[in-house]
Amino acid sequence: MNSRQRRGVILLLVSVLCAAGAFAGVLSVIHDANSKVGPEVTAYRVNRDIRPNTELSADQFSRTSMPKRWLSDNAVTDLSAIRGKVAVTQLTKGSLLQSDMIAQRPELRPGQQEIAIMIDASTGVAGKIQRGSSVNIFATFAAAKQGDTPQSKIIVAGAEVLDVGKLTPLDPGRDDRNKSTEAVPITFALGTLDAQRVAYAESFAQHVRLALVAPGSDPSVPPGDRTYRLEKDQ
């Protein structure tokens, strides 16, 4: 073998060693990337905005795959977790679904019963009071006899809302032209006495209104503040 051939063999060996080194480097990079990213798992993204206390269903979410190490511990990886659940807060399109975003749908407790009444849409309840909300129920009554004054009463404090229906058109009579032409059916979970108070107010009060109680606040009302007459401000 002459010198030229020897140089050729040496260059060939060097090229093979460089190629082997480069290949090993690529494998090392891939292995390092895999070790950092890890295996992928299924997660779910919100595919449209969902309002608080809305009942959840599978068509509201889209499946995606992500590295497991990038997901938080409370990420939902099985969509069966939403069965019978509602949104706790506003769910924004594109956000990853997590277990602290959902909660069990409110249900009746022992001693409670459902009662539904129509609430005047002009009170502003539409879109603000949702399933799971806590509300105070107000009723205003006309003067019972001559010389008396009208009064407003809180008939139930901290009533739990089980469901909010759709805006419903009404057909007021000729004597009710000043009343709203739309109402919202609201279903409450109440004890027997509070349910009777609500039924009485719906039948005999001039108006029944709801006041949303701020989350985490005490809905109780002192007895002296449950009834209001105009004389209190005079």
Protein backbone atom coordinates (compact mmCIF):
# COMPACT_ATOMS: atom_id res chain seq x y z
CA MET A 1 0.00 0.00 0.00
CA ASN A 2 1.55 3.27 -1.07
CA SER A 3 1.40 6.52 0.87
CA ARG A 4 -1.53 7.87 -1.10
CA GLN A 5 -3.62 4.80 -0.32
CA ARG A 6 -2.65 4.99 3.33
CA ARG A 7 -3.80 8.63 3.49
CA GLY A 8 -7.09 7.63 1.85
CA VAL A 9 -7.68 4.85 4.38
CA ILE A 10 -6.84 7.22 7.27
CA LEU A 11 -9.24 9.89 5.94
CA LEU A 12 -11.94 7.26 5.51
CA LEU A 13 -11.47 6.07 9.08
CA VAL A 14 -11.54 9.64 10.37
CA SER A 15 -14.76 10.29 8.42
CA VAL A 16 -16.34 7.15 9.86
CA LEU A 17 -15.31 8.14 13.38
CA CYS A 18 -16.67 11.71 12.87
CA ALA A 19 -19.96 10.32 11.54
CA ALA A 20 -20.20 7.92 14.48
CA GLY A 21 -19.48 10.79 16.88
CA ALA A 22 -22.11 12.99 15.26
CA PHE A 23 -24.67 10.17 15.37
CA ALA A 24 -23.90 9.56 19.03
CA GLY A 25 -24.30 13.29 19.67
CA VAL A 26 -27.73 13.32 17.99
CA LEU A 27 -28.80 10.29 20.03
CA SER A 28 -27.61 12.01 23.18
CA VAL A 29 -29.58 15.17 22.36
CA ILE A 30 -32.71 13.13 21.61
CA HIS A 31 -32.29 11.15 24.82
CA ASP A 32 -31.77 14.34 26.80
CA ALA A 33 -34.85 15.94 25.24
CA ASN A 34 -36.95 12.86 25.97
CA SER A 35 -35.72 12.79 29.54
CA LYS A 36 -36.70 16.43 29.97
CA VAL A 37 -40.09 16.24 28.21
CA GLY A 38 -41.13 12.78 29.32
CA PRO A 39 -44.13 10.74 28.14
CA GLU A 40 -47.24 12.46 26.82
CA VAL A 41 -50.65 12.17 28.44
CA THR A 42 -54.19 13.21 27.53
CA ALA A 43 -55.52 16.55 28.73
CA TYR A 44 -58.57 18.64 27.82
CA ARG A 45 -58.95 22.23 26.67
CA VAL A 46 -62.06 24.36 26.97
CA ASN A 47 -63.35 24.90 23.41
CA ARG A 48 -65.71 27.77 24.25
CA ASP A 49 -66.28 30.18 27.13
CA ILE A 50 -68.33 28.59 29.93
CA ARG A 51 -70.11 30.69 32.52
CA PRO A 52 -69.93 29.91 36.25
CA ASN A 53 -72.35 27.25 37.58
CA THR A 54 -73.04 25.94 34.06
CA GLU A 55 -73.52 22.18 33.87
CA LEU A 56 -70.59 20.57 32.04
CA SER A 57 -70.73 18.17 29.09
CA ALA A 58 -68.14 16.47 26.85
CA ASP A 59 -68.84 18.68 23.82
CA GLN A 60 -67.53 21.72 25.72
CA PHE A 61 -63.97 20.32 25.71
CA SER A 62 -61.46 19.13 23.14
CA ARG A 63 -58.82 16.45 23.67
CA THR A 64 -55.12 17.28 23.48
CA SER A 65 -51.79 15.57 24.27
CA MET A 66 -49.11 17.15 26.41
CA PRO A 67 -45.92 16.03 28.19
CA LYS A 68 -46.93 14.75 31.60
CA ARG A 69 -44.31 16.84 33.38
CA TRP A 70 -45.87 20.04 31.98
CA LEU A 71 -49.28 19.33 33.49
CA SER A 72 -50.24 20.43 36.98
CA ASP A 73 -51.19 17.75 39.49
CA ASN A 74 -54.86 18.78 39.33
CA ALA A 75 -55.16 18.67 35.52
CA VAL A 76 -58.16 16.61 34.35
CA THR A 77 -56.95 13.66 32.24
CA ASP A 78 -60.21 11.68 32.24
CA LEU A 79 -63.34 13.46 31.02
CA SER A 80 -65.58 11.25 33.13
CA ALA A 81 -64.55 13.57 35.99
CA ILE A 82 -67.01 16.22 34.75
CA ARG A 83 -70.06 13.97 35.01
CA GLY A 84 -72.67 15.71 37.18
CA LYS A 85 -70.36 18.70 37.74
CA VAL A 86 -70.69 22.44 37.12
CA ALA A 87 -68.12 25.17 36.46
CA VAL A 88 -66.96 26.91 39.63
CA THR A 89 -65.69 30.00 37.83
CA GLN A 90 -65.69 31.42 34.31
CA LEU A 91 -63.91 28.91 32.04
CA THR A 92 -62.10 30.64 29.19
CA LYS A 93 -61.74 29.14 25.71
CA GLY A 94 -58.34 27.50 25.28
CA SER A 95 -57.58 27.00 28.98
CA LEU A 96 -56.67 23.56 30.31
CA LEU A 97 -59.35 21.92 32.43
CA GLN A 98 -58.32 21.41 36.07
CA SER A 99 -60.15 19.77 38.93
CA ASP A 100 -60.38 22.98 40.96
CA MET A 101 -62.42 24.54 38.13
CA ILE A 102 -65.33 22.17 38.65
CA ALA A 103 -67.61 21.17 41.53
CA GLN A 104 -70.53 18.87 42.23
CA ARG A 105 -73.89 20.18 41.08
CA PRO A 106 -75.93 21.50 44.02
CA GLU A 107 -78.44 18.92 45.23
CA LEU A 108 -81.19 18.80 47.83
CA ARG A 109 -80.15 18.01 51.37
CA PRO A 110 -82.35 16.16 53.88
CA GLY A 111 -85.27 18.37 54.90
CA GLN A 112 -85.08 20.53 51.75
CA GLN A 113 -87.47 20.70 48.83
CA GLU A 114 -87.43 22.34 45.42
CA ILE A 115 -89.68 25.29 44.73
CA ALA A 116 -89.66 27.37 41.57
CA ILE A 117 -91.08 30.86 41.04
CA MET A 118 -91.05 33.34 38.19
CA ILE A 119 -88.84 36.36 38.85
CA ASP A 120 -89.37 39.63 36.99
CA ALA A 121 -86.54 40.00 34.45
CA SER A 122 -86.39 43.76 35.08
CA THR A 123 -84.83 43.10 38.51
CA GLY A 124 -81.60 42.25 36.71
CA VAL A 125 -81.35 38.60 37.72
CA ALA A 126 -80.93 37.38 34.14
CA GLY A 127 -77.28 36.48 33.56
CA LYS A 128 -76.16 37.37 37.09
CA ILE A 129 -77.74 34.80 39.37
CA GLN A 130 -76.73 31.25 38.47
CA ARG A 131 -77.05 27.71 39.77
CA GLY A 132 -75.27 27.52 43.12
CA SER A 133 -75.76 31.22 43.92
CA SER A 134 -76.91 32.34 47.36
CA VAL A 135 -79.62 35.02 47.37
CA ASN A 136 -81.86 36.95 49.72
CA ILE A 137 -85.50 36.95 48.64
CA PHE A 138 -87.36 40.25 49.06
CA ALA A 139 -91.12 40.78 48.83
CA THR A 140 -92.97 44.10 48.84
CA PHE A 141 -96.54 44.25 50.16
CA ALA A 142 -99.18 46.92 49.82
CA ALA A 143 -100.70 48.50 52.94
CA ALA A 144 -103.06 46.03 54.58
CA LYS A 145 -105.54 48.69 55.69
CA GLN A 146 -106.11 52.42 55.58
CA GLY A 147 -103.49 54.28 57.56
CA ASP A 148 -100.87 51.59 57.12
CA THR A 149 -97.89 52.01 54.81
CA PRO A 150 -96.46 49.56 52.26
CA GLN A 151 -93.58 47.46 53.46
CA SER A 152 -90.66 45.46 52.11
CA LYS A 153 -89.65 42.20 53.77
CA ILE A 154 -86.75 39.80 53.46
CA ILE A 155 -88.76 36.59 53.54
CA VAL A 156 -85.79 34.21 53.06
CA ALA A 157 -82.11 34.92 53.69
CA GLY A 158 -79.38 32.88 51.99
CA ALA A 159 -81.64 30.86 49.69
CA GLU A 160 -79.69 28.37 47.55
CA VAL A 161 -80.38 28.52 43.81
CA LEU A 162 -80.70 25.07 42.23
CA ASP A 163 -81.49 26.12 38.70
CA VAL A 164 -82.08 29.17 36.51
CA GLY A 165 -84.43 28.72 33.58
CA LYS A 166 -84.70 30.55 30.29
CA LEU A 167 -86.14 34.01 29.84
CA THR A 168 -89.88 33.52 29.36
CA PRO A 169 -92.26 36.02 27.73
CA LEU A 170 -95.35 36.89 29.77
CA ASP A 171 -98.74 38.13 28.70
CA PRO A 172 -99.85 40.66 31.33
CA GLY A 173 -103.51 41.65 31.49
CA ARG A 174 -104.83 45.13 30.94
CA ASP A 175 -104.44 45.98 34.62
CA ASP A 176 -100.80 44.86 34.60
CA ARG A 177 -99.41 47.15 31.90
CA ASN A 178 -96.68 48.44 34.22
CA LYS A 179 -95.39 44.95 34.96
CA SER A 180 -92.57 43.27 33.07
CA THR A 181 -93.37 41.23 30.00
CA GLU A 182 -90.50 38.79 30.67
CA ALA A 183 -89.61 36.61 33.65
CA VAL A 184 -87.06 33.98 34.61
CA PRO A 185 -88.02 30.74 36.44
CA ILE A 186 -85.74 30.29 39.45
CA THR A 187 -85.64 27.03 41.43
CA PHE A 188 -84.60 27.12 45.10
CA ALA A 189 -83.67 24.49 47.68
CA LEU A 190 -85.60 25.47 50.81
CA GLY A 191 -86.94 24.06 54.03
CA THR A 192 -90.70 23.73 54.44
CA LEU A 193 -91.32 27.06 56.22
CA ASP A 194 -89.17 29.06 53.79
CA ALA A 195 -90.87 27.35 50.85
CA GLN A 196 -94.25 28.44 52.29
CA ARG A 197 -92.98 32.01 52.65
CA VAL A 198 -91.89 32.05 49.00
CA ALA A 199 -95.19 30.56 47.81
CA TYR A 200 -97.14 33.14 49.85
CA ALA A 201 -95.06 36.03 48.50
CA GLU A 202 -95.47 34.89 44.91
CA SER A 203 -99.24 34.81 45.39
CA PHE A 204 -99.82 37.97 47.42
CA ALA A 205 -96.78 40.26 47.20
CA GLN A 206 -96.75 43.09 44.69
CA HIS A 207 -93.19 42.22 43.72
CA VAL A 208 -90.67 39.50 44.55
CA ARG A 209 -87.01 40.36 44.00
CA LEU A 210 -83.67 38.63 44.53
CA ALA A 211 -80.46 40.09 45.92
CA LEU A 212 -77.25 38.20 45.14
CA VAL A 213 -75.18 37.44 48.24
CA ALA A 214 -71.41 37.80 47.75
CA PRO A 215 -69.58 34.44 47.88
CA GLY A 216 -68.17 33.74 51.33
CA SER A 217 -70.25 36.38 53.10
CA ASP A 218 -72.79 35.74 55.85
CA PRO A 219 -76.31 35.81 54.32
CA SER A 220 -78.08 36.08 57.69
CA VAL A 221 -80.06 39.27 58.40
CA PRO A 222 -80.83 40.61 61.90
CA PRO A 223 -84.57 40.41 62.72
CA GLY A 224 -84.83 44.19 63.00
CA ASP A 225 -83.56 44.62 59.44
CA ARG A 226 -85.91 42.13 57.79
CA THR A 227 -88.80 44.59 57.46
CA TYR A 228 -88.60 48.08 55.98
CA ARG A 229 -91.14 50.90 55.95
CA LEU A 230 -90.61 54.39 54.62
CA GLU A 231 -90.97 55.82 58.12
CA LYS A 232 -87.54 54.39 58.97
CA ASP A 233 -85.92 57.06 56.79
CA GLN A 234 -88.13 59.95 57.91
